[in-house]
């Protein structure tokens, strides 16, 4: 999403300036070219050497004496795909609102037509001050994108609103702005993780699913502009902007999905739902003293098949098939029986693929289309391929 994008990262004089290092690292890792600009105040909190080492080029701090150009205050802003200020102090926000050029960063902000993202960080009293509130409202009305601060522990030990948003939230906001937005306005439902079916008070029937692929899918969908609900059995930190519904069993997952499925444009069932559960489960721990228990199983509801049987017109339904044998035959059979628009199949016995890994390799099957192989890659790259195919299917459906 950010590959090849030129992002100016402005850093101002806040105690949160150290977090700009992590933001820069994430942007660079995502393929962006990061141009760091620090104010004089920022240099009191963060050494320019650190940020220069992790950004794409050395930190810029001055209006003059730049050997690359005699006019850095215009060149930097004119060449940017996006300007990100994180953290942004009350002083920077006020100067930007008034159009006051006091240093290199404010000059860059005034000399650009690129999107601007401001991430405020300050004490709660400052964040709530009427003048700051008014400045933020005015900038928002002018089209500046504000990533509002979080509540939490602030410098000095007090608690309140004003803490710089997390690096993940900030990078996600940048991704949304720079994405092609081909899912803007779409409602997407994604399931993730493996269900756990109780045997007794401490034991469950489960599987090896980590939920990582489902979370990567959620991050990709929200970055493309979708409104995303993630029904999850795992405790991973959710992608910024994603609504998460926590569940544990197959029955709880079915209930959560059924509540919103009918009003959803795309459903991606990435979760590994248990096929069987104990008929009875005790609320006490079974003891070895009582001997080996006999556990009688019954099938769980096939959530995916149920969704396929009552799928509304225009909805895209996607399933996952984790296989160890006859991958193509099994995937094609599930595609037809469950009335899916797409199935994502992977060989979980192959090295570095499937459950628990950060990488995956999949084959995409759709009715009437040749199989499409996605070679071993990180799970976000897999998510990109899946949603590229979903959008192609949706576009073909709308044309017909």
Protein backbone atom coordinates (compact mmCIF):
# COMPACT_ATOMS: atom_id res chain seq x y z
CA UNK A 1 0.00 0.00 0.00
CA UNK A 2 2.84 2.41 0.81
CA UNK A 3 5.48 1.07 -1.56
CA UNK A 4 7.20 3.94 -3.37
CA UNK A 5 5.23 6.64 -1.54
CA UNK A 6 7.20 9.68 -0.41
CA UNK A 7 6.13 10.64 3.10
CA UNK A 8 7.42 13.65 5.01
CA UNK A 9 7.50 12.83 8.72
CA UNK A 10 7.42 16.00 10.82
CA UNK A 11 8.44 15.74 14.46
CA UNK A 12 7.82 18.53 16.97
CA UNK A 13 8.92 19.29 20.54
CA UNK A 14 6.90 16.81 22.58
CA UNK A 15 7.98 14.14 25.04
CA UNK A 16 6.29 11.74 22.59
CA UNK A 17 8.89 12.57 19.93
CA UNK A 18 10.66 9.28 20.65
CA UNK A 19 7.65 7.44 19.19
CA UNK A 20 8.44 8.95 15.78
CA UNK A 21 11.28 6.44 15.54
CA UNK A 22 8.84 3.51 15.59
CA UNK A 23 6.49 5.27 13.18
CA UNK A 24 9.36 5.88 10.77
CA UNK A 25 10.49 2.26 11.01
CA UNK A 26 7.00 0.97 10.23
CA UNK A 27 6.61 3.28 7.25
CA UNK A 28 9.99 2.28 5.83
CA UNK A 29 9.25 -1.41 6.38
CA UNK A 30 6.03 -0.92 4.41
CA UNK A 31 8.04 0.40 1.45
CA UNK A 32 7.64 4.16 1.94
CA UNK A 33 10.42 6.69 1.40
CA UNK A 34 10.45 8.70 4.64
CA UNK A 35 11.79 12.25 4.68
CA UNK A 36 12.24 13.31 8.34
CA UNK A 37 11.86 16.96 9.34
CA UNK A 38 12.48 17.95 12.96
CA UNK A 39 11.81 21.24 14.72
CA UNK A 40 14.27 22.78 17.14
CA UNK A 41 12.04 21.68 20.00
CA UNK A 42 12.01 18.10 18.74
CA UNK A 43 15.80 18.00 18.90
CA UNK A 44 15.59 18.59 22.64
CA UNK A 45 13.75 15.29 23.04
CA UNK A 46 15.12 13.13 20.22
CA UNK A 47 18.55 13.03 18.66
CA UNK A 48 18.51 13.54 14.91
CA UNK A 49 21.07 10.74 14.44
CA UNK A 50 18.59 8.09 15.57
CA UNK A 51 15.83 9.21 13.23
CA UNK A 52 18.27 9.71 10.34
CA UNK A 53 19.44 6.12 10.72
CA UNK A 54 15.92 4.66 10.52
CA UNK A 55 14.38 7.01 7.95
CA UNK A 56 15.16 7.00 4.24
CA UNK A 57 17.41 10.05 4.33
CA UNK A 58 19.01 12.32 6.91
CA UNK A 59 16.90 14.56 9.12
CA UNK A 60 16.25 18.06 7.83
CA UNK A 61 15.98 20.89 10.34
CA UNK A 62 16.81 24.21 8.68
CA UNK A 63 15.34 26.51 6.09
CA UNK A 64 18.81 27.29 4.74
CA UNK A 65 22.15 25.60 4.08
CA UNK A 66 20.69 22.48 2.46
CA UNK A 67 23.25 21.33 -0.16
CA UNK A 68 20.53 19.57 -2.17
CA UNK A 69 18.39 22.63 -2.85
CA UNK A 70 18.35 26.38 -2.10
CA UNK A 71 14.61 26.21 -1.40
CA UNK A 72 13.93 23.22 0.90
CA UNK A 73 10.79 24.86 2.30
CA UNK A 74 9.01 24.37 -1.03
CA UNK A 75 10.80 21.42 -2.57
CA UNK A 76 10.11 19.01 0.31
CA UNK A 77 6.36 19.71 0.38
CA UNK A 78 5.98 19.76 -3.39
CA UNK A 79 7.57 16.34 -3.76
CA UNK A 80 5.57 14.60 -1.03
CA UNK A 81 2.71 12.15 -1.41
CA UNK A 82 1.70 12.86 2.18
CA UNK A 83 2.82 15.00 5.13
CA UNK A 84 2.60 13.34 8.56
CA UNK A 85 3.25 15.28 11.76
CA UNK A 86 3.68 12.97 14.74
CA UNK A 87 3.72 14.21 17.39
CA UNK A 88 2.11 17.59 16.75
CA UNK A 89 2.26 20.10 19.61
CA UNK A 90 -0.30 22.80 20.38
CA UNK A 91 2.22 25.35 19.06
CA UNK A 92 2.58 23.60 15.69
CA UNK A 93 -1.20 23.21 15.37
CA UNK A 94 -1.75 26.92 16.08
CA UNK A 95 0.93 28.05 13.64
CA UNK A 96 -0.45 25.79 10.91
CA UNK A 97 -3.99 27.00 11.48
CA UNK A 98 -2.86 30.65 11.20
CA UNK A 99 -0.56 30.03 8.21
CA UNK A 100 2.43 31.18 10.23
CA UNK A 101 5.75 29.99 8.79
CA UNK A 102 8.21 29.93 11.67
CA UNK A 103 10.54 27.05 10.73
CA UNK A 104 11.16 24.42 8.07
CA UNK A 105 8.24 22.18 9.10
CA UNK A 106 5.60 24.92 9.04
CA UNK A 107 6.97 26.07 5.68
CA UNK A 108 6.65 22.53 4.32
CA UNK A 109 3.04 22.34 5.55
CA UNK A 110 2.17 25.60 3.84
CA UNK A 111 3.94 24.72 0.59
CA UNK A 112 2.26 21.42 -0.20
CA UNK A 113 -0.89 20.19 -1.90
CA UNK A 114 -0.39 16.67 -0.54
CA UNK A 115 -2.71 15.22 2.13
CA UNK A 116 -1.72 16.21 5.65
CA UNK A 117 -2.11 14.05 8.76
CA UNK A 118 -1.74 15.68 12.17
CA UNK A 119 -1.28 13.54 15.30
CA UNK A 120 -1.63 15.75 18.39
CA UNK A 121 0.16 14.99 21.66
CA UNK A 122 -0.07 17.20 24.74
CA UNK A 123 -1.37 17.32 28.29
CA UNK A 124 -5.10 16.86 28.76
CA UNK A 125 -5.64 20.47 29.86
CA UNK A 126 -4.00 21.72 26.67
CA UNK A 127 -5.90 19.28 24.43
CA UNK A 128 -9.19 20.41 25.98
CA UNK A 129 -8.40 24.16 25.86
CA UNK A 130 -10.95 26.05 23.72
CA UNK A 131 -8.28 27.54 21.46
CA UNK A 132 -6.77 24.12 20.70
CA UNK A 133 -10.23 22.64 20.15
CA UNK A 134 -11.05 25.49 17.76
CA UNK A 135 -7.75 25.05 15.88
CA UNK A 136 -8.36 21.33 15.43
CA UNK A 137 -11.91 21.91 14.18
CA UNK A 138 -10.71 24.54 11.69
CA UNK A 139 -7.94 22.33 10.34
CA UNK A 140 -10.38 19.46 9.97
CA UNK A 141 -12.75 21.68 8.01
CA UNK A 142 -9.87 22.56 5.69
CA UNK A 143 -9.30 18.89 4.91
CA UNK A 144 -6.48 18.13 7.33
CA UNK A 145 -6.74 14.60 8.72
CA UNK A 146 -6.54 14.38 12.51
CA UNK A 147 -5.52 11.20 14.33
CA UNK A 148 -6.88 12.06 17.75
CA UNK A 149 -4.80 11.33 20.84
CA UNK A 150 -5.59 8.48 23.18
CA UNK A 151 -6.35 8.55 26.89
CA UNK A 152 -3.74 7.18 29.24
CA UNK A 153 -0.75 8.00 31.38
CA UNK A 154 0.88 11.30 30.40
CA UNK A 155 4.25 12.84 31.17
CA UNK A 156 4.33 13.84 34.81
CA UNK A 157 2.22 10.87 35.84
CA UNK A 158 -1.25 12.33 35.34
CA UNK A 159 -3.97 10.46 33.43
CA UNK A 160 -6.13 11.84 30.64
CA UNK A 161 -6.63 12.47 26.94
CA UNK A 162 -3.62 13.75 25.02
CA UNK A 163 -1.38 10.72 24.68
CA UNK A 164 -0.05 10.30 21.11
CA UNK A 165 -1.99 7.65 19.19
CA UNK A 166 -0.25 4.31 18.76
CA UNK A 167 2.18 3.81 15.90
CA UNK A 168 -0.17 1.18 14.45
CA UNK A 169 -3.13 3.59 14.43
CA UNK A 170 -1.06 6.34 12.82
CA UNK A 171 0.36 4.11 10.07
CA UNK A 172 -3.11 2.68 9.42
CA UNK A 173 -4.45 6.21 8.91
CA UNK A 174 -1.66 6.89 6.42
CA UNK A 175 -2.45 3.65 4.59
CA UNK A 176 -6.12 4.55 4.33
CA UNK A 177 -5.30 7.93 2.82
CA UNK A 178 -2.81 6.59 0.31
CA UNK A 179 -4.71 3.47 -0.67
CA UNK A 180 -6.65 3.32 -3.88
CA UNK A 181 -9.85 3.06 -1.78
CA UNK A 182 -11.43 0.34 -3.91
CA UNK A 183 -13.43 -0.87 -0.88
CA UNK A 184 -14.64 2.49 0.38
CA UNK A 185 -18.18 2.16 1.72
CA UNK A 186 -18.15 -1.64 1.71
CA UNK A 187 -19.05 -3.64 4.81
CA UNK A 188 -16.73 -6.58 5.41
CA UNK A 189 -17.06 -9.40 7.93
CA UNK A 190 -14.00 -11.53 8.70
CA UNK A 191 -13.59 -14.45 11.09
CA UNK A 192 -10.22 -15.32 12.61
CA UNK A 193 -8.60 -17.87 14.90
CA UNK A 194 -9.54 -21.37 15.96
CA UNK A 195 -12.62 -22.12 18.02
CA UNK A 196 -12.27 -23.90 21.35
CA UNK A 197 -14.90 -26.43 22.42
CA UNK A 198 -14.93 -27.15 26.18
CA UNK A 199 -14.47 -30.62 27.61
CA UNK A 200 -14.40 -29.56 31.24
CA UNK A 201 -13.52 -26.46 33.25
CA UNK A 202 -9.91 -26.39 31.98
CA UNK A 203 -9.68 -28.55 28.83
CA UNK A 204 -10.85 -27.83 25.31
CA UNK A 205 -10.86 -29.31 21.82
CA UNK A 206 -8.97 -26.81 19.68
CA UNK A 207 -6.69 -26.45 16.66
CA UNK A 208 -3.45 -24.70 15.78
CA UNK A 209 -4.90 -21.59 14.13
CA UNK A 210 -3.21 -18.40 15.36
CA UNK A 211 -5.61 -15.96 13.71
CA UNK A 212 -2.74 -14.10 12.02
CA UNK A 213 -4.16 -14.49 8.51
CA UNK A 214 -7.58 -13.24 9.56
CA UNK A 215 -6.05 -10.18 11.22
CA UNK A 216 -3.95 -9.48 8.10
CA UNK A 217 -7.14 -9.65 6.04
CA UNK A 218 -8.84 -7.20 8.40
CA UNK A 219 -5.91 -4.78 8.21
CA UNK A 220 -5.95 -4.90 4.41
CA UNK A 221 -9.71 -4.38 4.16
CA UNK A 222 -9.74 -1.36 6.46
CA UNK A 223 -6.73 0.10 4.63
CA UNK A 224 -8.76 -0.07 1.41
CA UNK A 225 -11.56 1.92 3.00
CA UNK A 226 -13.94 -0.82 4.13
CA UNK A 227 -15.93 -0.89 7.35
CA UNK A 228 -14.67 -4.08 8.98
CA UNK A 229 -16.06 -6.36 11.68
CA UNK A 230 -13.68 -9.05 12.91
CA UNK A 231 -15.14 -12.05 14.78
CA UNK A 232 -12.13 -13.44 16.60
CA UNK A 233 -11.19 -16.18 19.06
CA UNK A 234 -7.67 -14.86 19.68
CA UNK A 235 -6.30 -11.98 21.74
CA UNK A 236 -4.13 -10.34 19.09
CA UNK A 237 -4.14 -6.55 19.00
CA UNK A 238 -6.75 -5.60 16.39
CA UNK A 239 -5.87 -3.43 13.39
CA UNK A 240 -6.76 0.22 13.89
CA UNK A 241 -10.30 1.02 12.79
CA UNK A 242 -11.56 -2.58 13.02
CA UNK A 243 -14.56 -3.51 15.18
CA UNK A 244 -13.78 -6.75 17.05
CA UNK A 245 -16.28 -9.26 18.44
CA UNK A 246 -14.63 -11.76 20.79
CA UNK A 247 -15.93 -15.34 20.80
CA UNK A 248 -14.65 -18.76 21.84
CA UNK A 249 -16.82 -21.61 20.56
CA UNK A 250 -18.28 -22.43 17.15
CA UNK A 251 -21.76 -21.69 18.48
CA UNK A 252 -20.69 -18.25 19.73
CA UNK A 253 -19.01 -17.51 16.40
CA UNK A 254 -22.14 -18.51 14.50
CA UNK A 255 -24.30 -16.27 16.68
CA UNK A 256 -21.99 -13.27 16.22
CA UNK A 257 -21.80 -13.78 12.45
CA UNK A 258 -25.53 -14.33 12.00
CA UNK A 259 -26.28 -11.00 13.64
CA UNK A 260 -24.56 -9.00 10.88
CA UNK A 261 -24.18 -11.34 7.88
CA UNK A 262 -27.31 -10.28 6.01
CA UNK A 263 -26.19 -6.63 5.86
CA UNK A 264 -22.59 -7.38 4.84
CA UNK A 265 -21.11 -6.96 1.35
CA UNK A 266 -18.19 -9.37 1.79
CA UNK A 267 -17.76 -12.26 4.24
CA UNK A 268 -14.36 -13.92 4.59
CA UNK A 269 -14.41 -17.01 6.81
CA UNK A 270 -10.73 -17.33 7.66
CA UNK A 271 -11.35 -18.92 11.07
CA UNK A 272 -10.63 -22.58 11.67
CA UNK A 273 -13.98 -23.66 13.11
CA UNK A 274 -14.05 -26.97 14.98
CA UNK A 275 -15.95 -29.71 13.14
CA UNK A 276 -16.88 -31.50 16.37
CA UNK A 277 -17.58 -30.69 20.02
CA UNK A 278 -18.32 -32.76 23.13
CA UNK A 279 -22.01 -33.46 23.57
CA UNK A 280 -21.66 -32.59 27.23
CA UNK A 281 -19.09 -30.49 29.05
CA UNK A 282 -18.69 -30.36 32.80
CA UNK A 283 -18.09 -27.15 34.71
CA UNK A 284 -15.61 -28.94 36.97
CA UNK A 285 -12.15 -30.29 36.19
CA UNK A 286 -12.10 -34.00 35.35
CA UNK A 287 -9.66 -35.85 37.59
CA UNK A 288 -7.25 -38.63 36.68
CA UNK A 289 -8.46 -40.41 39.78
CA UNK A 290 -11.76 -40.98 38.02
CA UNK A 291 -10.06 -42.79 35.12
CA UNK A 292 -9.94 -41.99 31.41
CA UNK A 293 -13.15 -40.15 30.48
CA UNK A 294 -15.30 -41.17 27.54
CA UNK A 295 -15.91 -38.12 25.37
CA UNK A 296 -18.74 -38.39 22.89
CA UNK A 297 -18.62 -35.86 20.07
CA UNK A 298 -21.28 -34.27 17.92
CA UNK A 299 -20.85 -32.15 14.78
CA UNK A 300 -20.86 -28.38 15.08
CA UNK A 301 -22.94 -26.29 12.70
CA UNK A 302 -21.28 -25.66 9.33
CA UNK A 303 -21.27 -21.86 9.51
CA UNK A 304 -19.89 -21.40 6.00
CA UNK A 305 -22.41 -23.74 4.36
CA UNK A 306 -25.23 -21.98 6.20
CA UNK A 307 -24.07 -18.60 4.92
CA UNK A 308 -23.90 -19.99 1.38
CA UNK A 309 -27.45 -21.38 1.54
CA UNK A 310 -28.98 -18.02 2.41
CA UNK A 311 -26.53 -15.63 0.75
CA UNK A 312 -28.26 -12.44 -0.44
CA UNK A 313 -27.83 -11.25 -4.01
CA UNK A 314 -24.56 -9.40 -4.57
CA UNK A 315 -22.83 -10.63 -1.44
CA UNK A 316 -19.33 -12.13 -1.89
CA UNK A 317 -18.69 -15.21 0.27
CA UNK A 318 -15.14 -16.47 0.75
CA UNK A 319 -14.04 -19.64 2.51
CA UNK A 320 -10.69 -21.10 3.55
CA UNK A 321 -9.54 -24.70 3.10
CA UNK A 322 -6.61 -25.92 5.17
CA UNK A 323 -5.56 -29.22 3.62
CA UNK A 324 -2.78 -31.79 3.85
CA UNK A 325 -3.88 -33.99 0.89
CA UNK A 326 -5.64 -33.51 -2.46
CA UNK A 327 -5.70 -29.74 -2.06
CA UNK A 328 -7.27 -28.86 -5.41
CA UNK A 329 -9.92 -31.60 -5.34
CA UNK A 330 -10.96 -30.79 -1.77
CA UNK A 331 -11.03 -27.05 -2.42
CA UNK A 332 -13.12 -27.40 -5.58
CA UNK A 333 -15.57 -29.68 -3.75
CA UNK A 334 -16.02 -27.16 -0.91
CA UNK A 335 -16.35 -24.31 -3.39
CA UNK A 336 -19.32 -26.01 -5.04
CA UNK A 337 -21.01 -27.60 -2.02
CA UNK A 338 -20.92 -24.43 0.07
CA UNK A 339 -21.87 -22.09 -2.81
CA UNK A 340 -18.82 -19.90 -2.42
CA UNK A 341 -17.56 -17.14 -4.68
CA UNK A 342 -13.94 -17.83 -3.74
CA UNK A 343 -12.00 -20.30 -1.65
CA UNK A 344 -8.48 -19.80 -0.34
CA UNK A 345 -6.71 -23.16 -0.08
CA UNK A 346 -3.37 -23.87 1.52
CA UNK A 347 -1.29 -26.93 2.25
CA UNK A 348 -0.75 -26.70 6.02
CA UNK A 349 1.84 -29.48 5.82
CA UNK A 350 4.17 -27.42 3.64
CA UNK A 351 7.12 -25.57 5.26
CA UNK A 352 6.42 -22.09 6.68
CA UNK A 353 2.75 -22.10 5.68
CA UNK A 354 -0.54 -22.11 7.51
CA UNK A 355 -1.14 -22.24 11.23
CA UNK A 356 1.13 -20.23 13.50
CA UNK A 357 3.46 -18.91 10.81
CA UNK A 358 3.91 -15.31 9.70
CA UNK A 359 4.02 -16.51 6.08
CA UNK A 360 1.65 -18.47 3.88
CA UNK A 361 1.28 -19.82 0.35
CA UNK A 362 -2.20 -20.26 -1.08
CA UNK A 363 -4.14 -21.12 -4.20
CA UNK A 364 -7.32 -19.20 -5.00
CA UNK A 365 -10.22 -21.05 -6.59
CA UNK A 366 -13.32 -19.37 -8.06
CA UNK A 367 -16.18 -20.84 -10.12
CA UNK A 368 -15.30 -20.97 -13.81
CA UNK A 369 -11.80 -19.58 -13.31
CA UNK A 370 -8.37 -21.14 -13.45
CA UNK A 371 -6.64 -21.63 -10.07
CA UNK A 372 -4.48 -18.67 -9.07
CA UNK A 373 -1.36 -19.46 -7.03
CA UNK A 374 0.13 -17.00 -4.56
CA UNK A 375 3.66 -18.14 -3.64
CA UNK A 376 5.12 -18.03 -0.13
CA UNK A 377 4.83 -14.52 1.27
CA UNK A 378 3.93 -12.67 4.46
CA UNK A 379 0.27 -12.90 5.38
CA UNK A 380 -0.47 -9.26 4.54
CA UNK A 381 0.68 -9.95 0.97
CA UNK A 382 -1.67 -12.95 0.90
CA UNK A 383 -4.46 -10.65 2.10
CA UNK A 384 -3.73 -8.22 -0.75
CA UNK A 385 -4.07 -11.04 -3.30
CA UNK A 386 -7.32 -12.24 -1.73
CA UNK A 387 -8.96 -8.83 -1.79
CA UNK A 388 -7.68 -8.10 -5.30
CA UNK A 389 -9.56 -11.21 -6.43
CA UNK A 390 -12.65 -10.29 -4.38
CA UNK A 391 -12.81 -6.86 -6.02
CA UNK A 392 -12.42 -8.47 -9.47
CA UNK A 393 -15.31 -10.83 -8.71
CA UNK A 394 -17.47 -7.99 -7.42
CA UNK A 395 -16.75 -5.85 -10.48
CA UNK A 396 -17.62 -8.74 -12.82
CA UNK A 397 -20.85 -9.35 -10.92
CA UNK A 398 -21.88 -5.71 -11.17
CA UNK A 399 -21.12 -5.61 -14.90
CA UNK A 400 -23.40 -8.56 -15.50
